[in-house]
């Protein structure tokens, strides 16, 4: 009986260790060498991409996708095939719009689209119900959608390097009291 109990404890310990281990980060070259179903974290950072390669859609179980520091200027509807995707990083690309496809991706918890040329965040952002972190740093955004207040799990909103006046900052601080909003010092600009 002691032997069975010890084996059960050991098995429980091992299964916990594996379930809490960090995701293995693959690039496209190393991802090709493993079973596509075992790729959960894919990075294509600094690959000089102008579009998302169709090959990545073979990795249906992705939870993290890093496409930062490329030249991507649009996403296709295929991005919605990643039904388990939790984190996407499109920082420092050539996007001039917030990818509307994200509004259909309820599993997203983090969207990083800093250093693009995005001026408008769509009202449909409210459908990304599990969103916790929204990084919009250094985009030419002039206003935020009212629907942001519907994101009950939102905890961090990065709006640094965007000029907002004190009225704007005060208003959004009051609308999102449980969210850590990162602003630069307010500008002396008009509403």
N, C-alpha and C. Protein backbone atom coordinates (compact mmCIF):
# COMPACT_ATOMS: atom_id res chain seq x y z
N UNK A 1 0.82 -1.18 0.00
CA UNK A 1 0.00 0.00 0.00
C UNK A 1 0.88 1.26 0.00
N UNK A 2 1.95 1.27 0.81
CA UNK A 2 2.85 2.41 0.84
C UNK A 2 3.48 2.63 -0.53
N UNK A 3 3.79 1.53 -1.22
CA UNK A 3 4.41 1.60 -2.53
C UNK A 3 3.46 2.27 -3.53
N UNK A 4 2.21 1.88 -3.52
CA UNK A 4 1.21 2.46 -4.43
C UNK A 4 1.03 3.94 -4.12
N UNK A 5 0.96 4.28 -2.84
CA UNK A 5 0.81 5.67 -2.43
C UNK A 5 2.01 6.50 -2.91
N UNK A 6 3.21 5.98 -2.76
CA UNK A 6 4.42 6.68 -3.18
C UNK A 6 4.42 6.88 -4.70
N UNK A 7 4.00 5.88 -5.44
CA UNK A 7 3.94 6.00 -6.90
C UNK A 7 2.92 7.06 -7.31
N UNK A 8 1.79 7.08 -6.63
CA UNK A 8 0.76 8.08 -6.94
C UNK A 8 1.26 9.50 -6.66
N UNK A 9 1.96 9.68 -5.56
CA UNK A 9 2.51 10.99 -5.23
C UNK A 9 3.55 11.39 -6.27
N UNK A 10 4.42 10.46 -6.62
CA UNK A 10 5.45 10.74 -7.62
C UNK A 10 4.81 11.11 -8.95
N UNK A 11 3.81 10.35 -9.38
CA UNK A 11 3.13 10.61 -10.64
C UNK A 11 2.44 11.98 -10.61
N UNK A 12 1.83 12.32 -9.51
CA UNK A 12 1.18 13.62 -9.35
C UNK A 12 2.20 14.74 -9.45
N UNK A 13 3.35 14.57 -8.80
CA UNK A 13 4.41 15.57 -8.83
C UNK A 13 4.92 15.78 -10.26
N UNK A 14 5.15 14.68 -10.98
CA UNK A 14 5.66 14.76 -12.35
C UNK A 14 4.64 15.44 -13.26
N UNK A 15 3.37 15.07 -13.13
CA UNK A 15 2.35 15.66 -14.00
C UNK A 15 2.20 17.15 -13.72
N UNK A 16 2.32 17.57 -12.46
CA UNK A 16 2.27 19.00 -12.13
C UNK A 16 3.47 19.73 -12.72
N UNK A 17 4.63 19.13 -12.63
CA UNK A 17 5.83 19.76 -13.16
C UNK A 17 5.70 20.00 -14.66
N UNK A 18 5.15 19.03 -15.39
CA UNK A 18 4.99 19.19 -16.83
C UNK A 18 3.89 20.19 -17.16
N UNK A 19 2.83 20.20 -16.39
CA UNK A 19 1.74 21.12 -16.70
C UNK A 19 2.12 22.56 -16.40
N UNK A 20 3.10 22.80 -15.54
CA UNK A 20 3.50 24.16 -15.19
C UNK A 20 4.79 24.59 -15.90
N UNK A 21 5.32 23.72 -16.72
CA UNK A 21 6.57 24.07 -17.39
C UNK A 21 6.31 25.11 -18.47
N UNK A 22 7.28 25.98 -18.74
CA UNK A 22 7.09 27.00 -19.76
C UNK A 22 6.99 26.36 -21.15
N UNK A 23 6.33 27.06 -22.04
CA UNK A 23 6.18 26.57 -23.40
C UNK A 23 7.53 26.62 -24.11
N UNK A 24 7.78 25.60 -24.93
CA UNK A 24 8.99 25.59 -25.74
C UNK A 24 8.78 26.54 -26.91
N UNK A 25 9.73 27.44 -27.09
CA UNK A 25 9.64 28.42 -28.18
C UNK A 25 10.31 27.86 -29.42
N UNK A 26 9.53 27.76 -30.50
CA UNK A 26 10.05 27.26 -31.77
C UNK A 26 10.10 28.40 -32.78
N UNK A 27 11.11 28.35 -33.65
CA UNK A 27 11.06 29.17 -34.84
C UNK A 27 10.55 28.25 -35.95
N UNK A 28 10.34 28.77 -37.13
CA UNK A 28 9.74 27.95 -38.18
C UNK A 28 10.62 26.76 -38.56
N UNK A 29 11.91 26.97 -38.55
CA UNK A 29 12.84 25.89 -38.91
C UNK A 29 12.77 24.73 -37.91
N UNK A 30 12.80 25.04 -36.62
CA UNK A 30 12.75 23.97 -35.62
C UNK A 30 11.35 23.38 -35.51
N UNK A 31 10.31 24.18 -35.76
CA UNK A 31 8.94 23.67 -35.69
C UNK A 31 8.70 22.61 -36.76
N UNK A 32 9.37 22.73 -37.88
CA UNK A 32 9.22 21.73 -38.96
C UNK A 32 9.72 20.36 -38.56
N UNK A 33 10.54 20.28 -37.52
CA UNK A 33 11.16 19.00 -37.13
C UNK A 33 10.34 18.24 -36.09
N UNK A 34 9.24 18.81 -35.62
CA UNK A 34 8.43 18.14 -34.59
C UNK A 34 6.99 17.98 -35.10
N UNK A 35 6.23 17.23 -34.36
CA UNK A 35 4.82 17.05 -34.68
C UNK A 35 4.12 18.42 -34.58
N UNK A 36 3.40 18.85 -35.61
CA UNK A 36 2.74 20.16 -35.58
C UNK A 36 1.81 20.34 -34.39
N UNK A 37 1.23 19.24 -33.90
CA UNK A 37 0.33 19.34 -32.76
C UNK A 37 1.04 19.66 -31.45
N UNK A 38 2.37 19.55 -31.43
CA UNK A 38 3.12 19.81 -30.20
C UNK A 38 3.75 21.21 -30.18
N UNK A 39 3.45 22.01 -31.18
CA UNK A 39 3.97 23.37 -31.24
C UNK A 39 2.93 24.32 -30.66
N UNK A 40 3.29 24.92 -29.52
CA UNK A 40 2.40 25.83 -28.82
C UNK A 40 2.89 27.28 -28.88
N UNK A 41 4.18 27.47 -29.12
CA UNK A 41 4.79 28.80 -29.11
C UNK A 41 5.66 28.91 -30.36
N UNK A 42 5.29 29.81 -31.25
CA UNK A 42 6.01 29.99 -32.49
C UNK A 42 6.47 31.44 -32.60
N UNK A 43 7.76 31.64 -32.87
CA UNK A 43 8.28 32.99 -33.05
C UNK A 43 8.86 33.14 -34.45
N UNK A 44 8.41 34.19 -35.10
CA UNK A 44 8.92 34.57 -36.42
C UNK A 44 9.42 36.01 -36.36
N UNK A 45 10.00 36.35 -35.23
CA UNK A 45 10.52 37.69 -34.99
C UNK A 45 11.71 37.98 -35.91
N UNK A 46 11.75 39.21 -36.44
CA UNK A 46 12.87 39.70 -37.26
C UNK A 46 13.14 38.80 -38.48
N UNK A 47 12.08 38.36 -39.13
CA UNK A 47 12.24 37.51 -40.32
C UNK A 47 12.03 38.28 -41.62
N UNK A 48 11.82 39.60 -41.53
CA UNK A 48 11.60 40.46 -42.69
C UNK A 48 10.35 40.05 -43.48
N UNK A 49 9.35 39.55 -42.77
CA UNK A 49 8.12 39.09 -43.42
C UNK A 49 7.25 40.28 -43.81
N UNK A 50 6.64 40.18 -44.98
CA UNK A 50 5.66 41.18 -45.41
C UNK A 50 4.24 40.61 -45.29
N UNK A 51 4.14 39.33 -45.07
CA UNK A 51 2.85 38.67 -44.85
C UNK A 51 3.08 37.47 -43.94
N UNK A 52 2.01 36.95 -43.39
CA UNK A 52 2.10 35.78 -42.51
C UNK A 52 2.17 34.54 -43.40
N UNK A 53 3.24 33.75 -43.29
CA UNK A 53 3.36 32.56 -44.15
C UNK A 53 2.27 31.53 -43.86
N UNK A 54 1.69 31.00 -44.91
CA UNK A 54 0.58 30.04 -44.76
C UNK A 54 1.01 28.78 -44.01
N UNK A 55 2.27 28.47 -44.03
CA UNK A 55 2.78 27.28 -43.34
C UNK A 55 2.46 27.27 -41.85
N UNK A 56 2.37 28.45 -41.24
CA UNK A 56 2.14 28.47 -39.79
C UNK A 56 0.77 27.94 -39.41
N UNK A 57 -0.16 27.91 -40.35
CA UNK A 57 -1.51 27.44 -40.04
C UNK A 57 -1.57 25.93 -39.84
N UNK A 58 -0.45 25.25 -40.06
CA UNK A 58 -0.35 23.82 -39.73
C UNK A 58 -0.27 23.61 -38.22
N UNK A 59 0.08 24.65 -37.47
CA UNK A 59 0.27 24.57 -36.03
C UNK A 59 -1.01 25.02 -35.32
N UNK A 60 -2.00 24.17 -35.36
CA UNK A 60 -3.35 24.49 -34.88
C UNK A 60 -3.43 24.73 -33.37
N UNK A 61 -2.45 24.23 -32.61
CA UNK A 61 -2.50 24.34 -31.15
C UNK A 61 -1.72 25.53 -30.60
N UNK A 62 -1.35 26.46 -31.46
CA UNK A 62 -0.57 27.61 -31.00
C UNK A 62 -1.29 28.35 -29.89
N UNK A 63 -0.51 28.69 -28.87
CA UNK A 63 -1.01 29.54 -27.79
C UNK A 63 -0.32 30.90 -27.81
N UNK A 64 0.91 30.93 -28.34
CA UNK A 64 1.68 32.17 -28.43
C UNK A 64 2.25 32.28 -29.84
N UNK A 65 2.03 33.43 -30.45
CA UNK A 65 2.55 33.69 -31.80
C UNK A 65 3.26 35.04 -31.79
N UNK A 66 4.55 35.02 -32.05
CA UNK A 66 5.36 36.23 -32.07
C UNK A 66 5.72 36.56 -33.51
N UNK A 67 5.13 37.62 -34.03
CA UNK A 67 5.40 38.10 -35.39
C UNK A 67 6.02 39.49 -35.35
N UNK A 68 6.64 39.83 -34.24
CA UNK A 68 7.17 41.19 -34.06
C UNK A 68 8.37 41.47 -34.95
N UNK A 69 8.59 42.76 -35.18
CA UNK A 69 9.75 43.27 -35.91
C UNK A 69 9.85 42.70 -37.32
N UNK A 70 8.74 42.81 -38.03
CA UNK A 70 8.67 42.42 -39.43
C UNK A 70 8.12 43.59 -40.22
N UNK A 71 7.59 43.32 -41.39
CA UNK A 71 7.00 44.35 -42.27
C UNK A 71 5.58 43.96 -42.65
N UNK A 72 4.91 43.22 -41.79
CA UNK A 72 3.55 42.74 -42.08
C UNK A 72 2.59 43.92 -42.09
N UNK A 73 1.77 44.02 -43.16
CA UNK A 73 0.84 45.14 -43.24
C UNK A 73 -0.62 44.72 -43.21
N UNK A 74 -0.89 43.41 -43.20
CA UNK A 74 -2.27 42.96 -43.06
C UNK A 74 -2.29 41.50 -42.62
N UNK A 75 -3.40 41.14 -42.01
CA UNK A 75 -3.65 39.75 -41.62
C UNK A 75 -4.87 39.26 -42.40
N UNK A 76 -4.85 38.00 -42.73
CA UNK A 76 -6.01 37.42 -43.40
C UNK A 76 -6.92 36.78 -42.36
N UNK A 77 -8.10 36.37 -42.79
CA UNK A 77 -9.03 35.70 -41.89
C UNK A 77 -8.48 34.37 -41.38
N UNK A 78 -7.46 33.85 -42.02
CA UNK A 78 -6.87 32.57 -41.59
C UNK A 78 -6.36 32.65 -40.15
N UNK A 79 -6.02 33.84 -39.69
CA UNK A 79 -5.50 33.97 -38.31
C UNK A 79 -6.51 33.43 -37.31
N UNK A 80 -7.80 33.46 -37.66
CA UNK A 80 -8.85 32.98 -36.77
C UNK A 80 -8.84 31.46 -36.61
N UNK A 81 -8.04 30.76 -37.44
CA UNK A 81 -7.91 29.31 -37.29
C UNK A 81 -7.24 28.93 -35.97
N UNK A 82 -6.53 29.89 -35.37
CA UNK A 82 -5.86 29.64 -34.10
C UNK A 82 -6.86 29.85 -32.96
N UNK A 83 -7.69 28.87 -32.75
CA UNK A 83 -8.76 28.99 -31.76
C UNK A 83 -8.26 28.92 -30.32
N UNK A 84 -7.01 28.50 -30.13
CA UNK A 84 -6.44 28.40 -28.78
C UNK A 84 -5.42 29.50 -28.50
N UNK A 85 -5.22 30.39 -29.47
CA UNK A 85 -4.20 31.43 -29.34
C UNK A 85 -4.53 32.36 -28.18
N UNK A 86 -3.56 32.53 -27.28
CA UNK A 86 -3.73 33.39 -26.12
C UNK A 86 -2.96 34.70 -26.25
N UNK A 87 -1.79 34.64 -26.89
CA UNK A 87 -0.94 35.84 -26.97
C UNK A 87 -0.45 36.00 -28.40
N UNK A 88 -0.59 37.21 -28.89
CA UNK A 88 -0.06 37.53 -30.22
C UNK A 88 0.74 38.82 -30.13
N UNK A 89 1.89 38.82 -30.76
CA UNK A 89 2.76 39.99 -30.76
C UNK A 89 3.03 40.40 -32.20
N UNK A 90 2.51 41.57 -32.56
CA UNK A 90 2.73 42.16 -33.88
C UNK A 90 3.43 43.51 -33.73
N UNK A 91 4.18 43.67 -32.65
CA UNK A 91 4.90 44.91 -32.41
C UNK A 91 5.87 45.20 -33.55
N UNK A 92 5.94 46.46 -33.91
CA UNK A 92 6.90 46.95 -34.91
C UNK A 92 6.72 46.25 -36.26
N UNK A 93 5.51 46.42 -36.80
CA UNK A 93 5.20 45.98 -38.15
C UNK A 93 4.68 47.18 -38.93
N UNK A 94 3.98 46.93 -40.02
CA UNK A 94 3.45 48.01 -40.85
C UNK A 94 1.93 48.02 -40.89
N UNK A 95 1.30 47.64 -39.81
CA UNK A 95 -0.17 47.63 -39.75
C UNK A 95 -0.70 49.05 -39.65
N UNK A 96 -1.69 49.37 -40.47
CA UNK A 96 -2.32 50.68 -40.34
C UNK A 96 -3.77 50.55 -39.88
N UNK A 97 -4.13 49.37 -39.41
CA UNK A 97 -5.45 49.14 -38.83
C UNK A 97 -5.33 48.05 -37.76
N UNK A 98 -6.24 48.10 -36.81
CA UNK A 98 -6.32 47.05 -35.79
C UNK A 98 -6.95 45.84 -36.46
N UNK A 99 -6.30 44.68 -36.43
CA UNK A 99 -6.84 43.51 -37.12
C UNK A 99 -8.22 43.11 -36.57
N UNK A 100 -9.22 43.36 -37.36
CA UNK A 100 -10.60 43.11 -36.98
C UNK A 100 -10.83 41.62 -36.69
N UNK A 101 -9.99 40.77 -37.25
CA UNK A 101 -10.09 39.32 -37.03
C UNK A 101 -9.95 38.97 -35.55
N UNK A 102 -9.21 39.79 -34.81
CA UNK A 102 -9.03 39.52 -33.38
C UNK A 102 -10.35 39.52 -32.63
N UNK A 103 -11.32 40.26 -33.13
CA UNK A 103 -12.62 40.36 -32.44
C UNK A 103 -13.35 39.02 -32.40
N UNK A 104 -12.96 38.09 -33.24
CA UNK A 104 -13.54 36.74 -33.24
C UNK A 104 -12.69 35.74 -32.47
N UNK A 105 -11.64 36.20 -31.82
CA UNK A 105 -10.69 35.30 -31.16
C UNK A 105 -10.79 35.48 -29.64
N UNK A 106 -11.78 34.86 -29.06
CA UNK A 106 -12.07 35.05 -27.64
C UNK A 106 -11.01 34.49 -26.71
N UNK A 107 -10.13 33.63 -27.20
CA UNK A 107 -9.09 33.06 -26.33
C UNK A 107 -7.92 34.03 -26.10
N UNK A 108 -7.85 35.11 -26.85
CA UNK A 108 -6.74 36.05 -26.70
C UNK A 108 -6.75 36.70 -25.32
N UNK A 109 -5.60 36.66 -24.66
CA UNK A 109 -5.44 37.34 -23.38
C UNK A 109 -4.47 38.52 -23.49
N UNK A 110 -3.62 38.48 -24.53
CA UNK A 110 -2.64 39.56 -24.72
C UNK A 110 -2.51 39.87 -26.20
N UNK A 111 -2.66 41.16 -26.51
CA UNK A 111 -2.42 41.65 -27.87
C UNK A 111 -1.38 42.75 -27.77
N UNK A 112 -0.26 42.54 -28.44
CA UNK A 112 0.80 43.55 -28.50
C UNK A 112 0.91 44.01 -29.95
N UNK A 113 0.49 45.24 -30.19
CA UNK A 113 0.58 45.80 -31.54
C UNK A 113 1.21 47.19 -31.49
N UNK A 114 2.17 47.32 -30.60
CA UNK A 114 2.89 48.58 -30.45
C UNK A 114 3.71 48.89 -31.70
N UNK A 115 4.00 50.17 -31.87
CA UNK A 115 4.88 50.65 -32.95
C UNK A 115 4.41 50.24 -34.34
N UNK A 116 3.12 50.44 -34.57
CA UNK A 116 2.54 50.30 -35.90
C UNK A 116 1.99 51.67 -36.28
N UNK A 117 1.03 51.71 -37.17
CA UNK A 117 0.44 52.98 -37.59
C UNK A 117 -1.08 52.93 -37.43
N UNK A 118 -1.53 52.39 -36.31
CA UNK A 118 -2.95 52.17 -36.06
C UNK A 118 -3.56 53.41 -35.44
N UNK A 119 -4.62 53.92 -36.10
CA UNK A 119 -5.26 55.13 -35.62
C UNK A 119 -6.58 54.85 -34.90
N UNK A 120 -7.22 53.72 -35.22
CA UNK A 120 -8.56 53.44 -34.70
C UNK A 120 -8.59 52.03 -34.10
N UNK A 121 -9.19 51.93 -32.93
CA UNK A 121 -9.47 50.63 -32.31
C UNK A 121 -10.97 50.40 -32.48
N UNK A 122 -11.37 49.26 -33.08
CA UNK A 122 -12.80 49.06 -33.36
C UNK A 122 -13.61 48.75 -32.11
N UNK A 123 -14.89 49.09 -32.17
CA UNK A 123 -15.81 48.79 -31.08
C UNK A 123 -15.91 47.29 -30.80
N UNK A 124 -15.68 46.48 -31.81
CA UNK A 124 -15.81 45.02 -31.65
C UNK A 124 -14.76 44.44 -30.70
N UNK A 125 -13.82 45.26 -30.24
CA UNK A 125 -12.82 44.77 -29.30
C UNK A 125 -13.49 44.17 -28.05
N UNK A 126 -14.70 44.59 -27.77
CA UNK A 126 -15.42 44.08 -26.59
C UNK A 126 -15.66 42.58 -26.66
N UNK A 127 -15.56 41.99 -27.84
CA UNK A 127 -15.80 40.55 -27.99
C UNK A 127 -14.58 39.71 -27.61
N UNK A 128 -13.46 40.34 -27.38
CA UNK A 128 -12.26 39.61 -26.95
C UNK A 128 -12.34 39.54 -25.42
N UNK A 129 -13.27 38.76 -24.95
CA UNK A 129 -13.71 38.82 -23.55
C UNK A 129 -12.64 38.44 -22.52
N UNK A 130 -11.62 37.72 -22.92
CA UNK A 130 -10.57 37.32 -21.98
C UNK A 130 -9.32 38.20 -22.07
N UNK A 131 -9.40 39.27 -22.85
CA UNK A 131 -8.25 40.15 -23.02
C UNK A 131 -7.83 40.77 -21.69
N UNK A 132 -6.56 40.59 -21.35
CA UNK A 132 -6.01 41.13 -20.11
C UNK A 132 -5.00 42.24 -20.37
N UNK A 133 -4.25 42.13 -21.47
CA UNK A 133 -3.19 43.09 -21.78
C UNK A 133 -3.36 43.57 -23.22
N UNK A 134 -3.45 44.88 -23.37
CA UNK A 134 -3.54 45.49 -24.70
C UNK A 134 -2.43 46.53 -24.80
N UNK A 135 -1.44 46.24 -25.64
CA UNK A 135 -0.28 47.11 -25.81
C UNK A 135 -0.42 47.86 -27.13
N UNK A 136 -0.75 49.15 -27.03
CA UNK A 136 -0.92 50.01 -28.19
C UNK A 136 0.17 51.07 -28.28
N UNK A 137 1.21 50.92 -27.51
CA UNK A 137 2.30 51.89 -27.40
C UNK A 137 2.73 52.40 -28.78
N UNK A 138 2.91 53.70 -28.90
CA UNK A 138 3.47 54.35 -30.09
C UNK A 138 2.68 54.08 -31.37
N UNK A 139 1.36 54.25 -31.29
CA UNK A 139 0.48 54.25 -32.45
C UNK A 139 -0.21 55.61 -32.49
N UNK A 140 -0.62 56.10 -33.65
CA UNK A 140 -1.25 57.43 -33.73
C UNK A 140 -2.75 57.41 -33.36
N UNK A 141 -3.07 56.81 -32.25
CA UNK A 141 -4.46 56.69 -31.80
C UNK A 141 -4.94 58.03 -31.25
N UNK A 142 -6.13 58.43 -31.65
CA UNK A 142 -6.69 59.70 -31.19
C UNK A 142 -7.84 59.50 -30.22
N UNK A 143 -8.50 58.35 -30.27
CA UNK A 143 -9.58 58.08 -29.33
C UNK A 143 -9.69 56.58 -29.12
N UNK A 144 -10.36 56.22 -28.04
CA UNK A 144 -10.56 54.81 -27.71
C UNK A 144 -12.05 54.49 -27.82
N UNK A 145 -12.38 53.25 -28.16
CA UNK A 145 -13.79 52.88 -28.25
C UNK A 145 -14.40 52.75 -26.85
N UNK A 146 -15.62 53.18 -26.71
CA UNK A 146 -16.33 53.07 -25.43
C UNK A 146 -16.44 51.62 -24.98
N UNK A 147 -16.42 50.70 -25.93
CA UNK A 147 -16.60 49.28 -25.61
C UNK A 147 -15.44 48.72 -24.78
N UNK A 148 -14.35 49.44 -24.64
CA UNK A 148 -13.24 48.96 -23.78
C UNK A 148 -13.72 48.70 -22.36
N UNK A 149 -14.70 49.46 -21.91
CA UNK A 149 -15.19 49.29 -20.53
C UNK A 149 -15.88 47.94 -20.34
N UNK A 150 -16.22 47.26 -21.42
CA UNK A 150 -16.87 45.96 -21.34
C UNK A 150 -15.88 44.81 -21.16
N UNK A 151 -14.61 45.11 -21.28
CA UNK A 151 -13.57 44.08 -21.11
C UNK A 151 -13.28 43.91 -19.63
N UNK A 152 -14.00 43.03 -18.99
CA UNK A 152 -13.94 42.86 -17.53
C UNK A 152 -12.62 42.27 -17.04
N UNK A 153 -11.88 41.59 -17.92
CA UNK A 153 -10.61 40.98 -17.51
C UNK A 153 -9.40 41.85 -17.87
N UNK A 154 -9.63 42.99 -18.53
CA UNK A 154 -8.53 43.87 -18.91
C UNK A 154 -7.82 44.39 -17.67
N UNK A 155 -6.50 44.25 -17.63
CA UNK A 155 -5.70 44.68 -16.48
C UNK A 155 -4.62 45.68 -16.85
N UNK A 156 -4.14 45.66 -18.12
CA UNK A 156 -3.06 46.56 -18.54
C UNK A 156 -3.40 47.13 -19.91
N UNK A 157 -3.29 48.44 -20.02
CA UNK A 157 -3.49 49.15 -21.28
C UNK A 157 -2.32 50.10 -21.45
N UNK A 158 -1.48 49.84 -22.45
CA UNK A 158 -0.29 50.65 -22.66
C UNK A 158 -0.55 51.66 -23.78
N UNK A 159 -0.60 52.93 -23.40
CA UNK A 159 -0.83 54.02 -24.34
C UNK A 159 0.32 55.01 -24.33
N UNK A 160 1.50 54.54 -23.98
CA UNK A 160 2.65 55.43 -23.94
C UNK A 160 3.06 55.85 -25.35
N UNK A 161 3.72 56.97 -25.40
CA UNK A 161 4.21 57.56 -26.64
C UNK A 161 3.06 57.94 -27.59
N UNK A 162 1.90 58.25 -27.00
CA UNK A 162 0.74 58.76 -27.71
C UNK A 162 0.31 60.02 -26.96
N UNK A 163 0.11 61.10 -27.69
CA UNK A 163 -0.23 62.37 -27.05
C UNK A 163 -1.72 62.43 -26.70
N UNK A 164 -2.00 62.45 -25.40
CA UNK A 164 -3.36 62.63 -24.91
C UNK A 164 -3.34 63.75 -23.87
N UNK A 165 -4.41 64.54 -23.88
CA UNK A 165 -4.47 65.63 -22.90
C UNK A 165 -4.93 65.10 -21.54
N UNK A 166 -4.89 65.96 -20.56
CA UNK A 166 -5.21 65.57 -19.19
C UNK A 166 -6.68 65.15 -19.07
N UNK A 167 -7.58 65.78 -19.82
CA UNK A 167 -9.00 65.43 -19.78
C UNK A 167 -9.21 63.99 -20.24
N UNK A 168 -8.57 63.64 -21.35
CA UNK A 168 -8.66 62.28 -21.89
C UNK A 168 -8.13 61.28 -20.86
N UNK A 169 -6.96 61.55 -20.32
CA UNK A 169 -6.34 60.63 -19.38
C UNK A 169 -7.18 60.46 -18.12
N UNK A 170 -7.72 61.54 -17.61
CA UNK A 170 -8.55 61.48 -16.41
C UNK A 170 -9.83 60.69 -16.67
N UNK A 171 -10.45 60.95 -17.80
CA UNK A 171 -11.69 60.26 -18.16
C UNK A 171 -11.48 58.76 -18.24
N UNK A 172 -10.44 58.34 -18.96
CA UNK A 172 -10.22 56.90 -19.13
C UNK A 172 -9.74 56.24 -17.83
N UNK A 173 -9.04 56.97 -17.03
CA UNK A 173 -8.67 56.44 -15.71
C UNK A 173 -9.90 56.15 -14.87
N UNK A 174 -10.91 57.01 -14.97
CA UNK A 174 -12.16 56.81 -14.23
C UNK A 174 -13.01 55.70 -14.84
N UNK A 175 -13.01 55.60 -16.18
CA UNK A 175 -13.80 54.55 -16.84
C UNK A 175 -13.23 53.15 -16.61
N UNK A 176 -11.91 53.08 -16.44
CA UNK A 176 -11.23 51.79 -16.27
C UNK A 176 -10.45 51.78 -14.95
N UNK A 177 -11.13 51.85 -13.81
CA UNK A 177 -10.42 52.00 -12.53
C UNK A 177 -9.59 50.78 -12.14
N UNK A 178 -9.90 49.60 -12.66
CA UNK A 178 -9.16 48.40 -12.30
C UNK A 178 -8.06 48.07 -13.30
N UNK A 179 -7.85 48.97 -14.25
CA UNK A 179 -6.86 48.75 -15.30
C UNK A 179 -5.67 49.67 -15.07
N UNK A 180 -4.47 49.11 -15.15
CA UNK A 180 -3.26 49.92 -15.09
C UNK A 180 -3.05 50.50 -16.48
N UNK A 181 -3.31 51.80 -16.61
CA UNK A 181 -3.14 52.47 -17.89
C UNK A 181 -1.82 53.22 -17.88
N UNK A 182 -0.99 52.93 -18.85
CA UNK A 182 0.29 53.61 -18.98
C UNK A 182 0.14 54.74 -19.98
N UNK A 183 0.26 55.97 -19.48
CA UNK A 183 0.24 57.18 -20.30
C UNK A 183 1.59 57.87 -20.17
N UNK A 184 1.95 58.63 -21.19
CA UNK A 184 3.03 59.61 -21.04
C UNK A 184 2.43 60.83 -20.36
N UNK A 185 3.26 61.77 -19.89
CA UNK A 185 2.68 62.99 -19.31
C UNK A 185 1.72 63.64 -20.32
N UNK A 186 0.62 64.21 -19.82
CA UNK A 186 -0.37 64.78 -20.74
C UNK A 186 0.19 65.93 -21.56
N UNK A 187 -0.35 66.05 -22.76
CA UNK A 187 0.06 67.14 -23.64
C UNK A 187 -0.84 68.35 -23.40
N UNK A 188 -0.46 69.47 -23.92
CA UNK A 188 -1.28 70.68 -23.86
C UNK A 188 -2.08 70.82 -25.15
N UNK A 189 -2.56 69.69 -25.64
CA UNK A 189 -3.29 69.69 -26.90
C UNK A 189 -4.80 69.78 -26.65
N UNK A 190 -5.54 70.04 -27.70
CA UNK A 190 -7.00 70.18 -27.60
C UNK A 190 -7.66 68.82 -27.49
N UNK A 191 -8.93 68.85 -27.04
CA UNK A 191 -9.72 67.60 -26.96
C UNK A 191 -9.96 67.03 -28.34
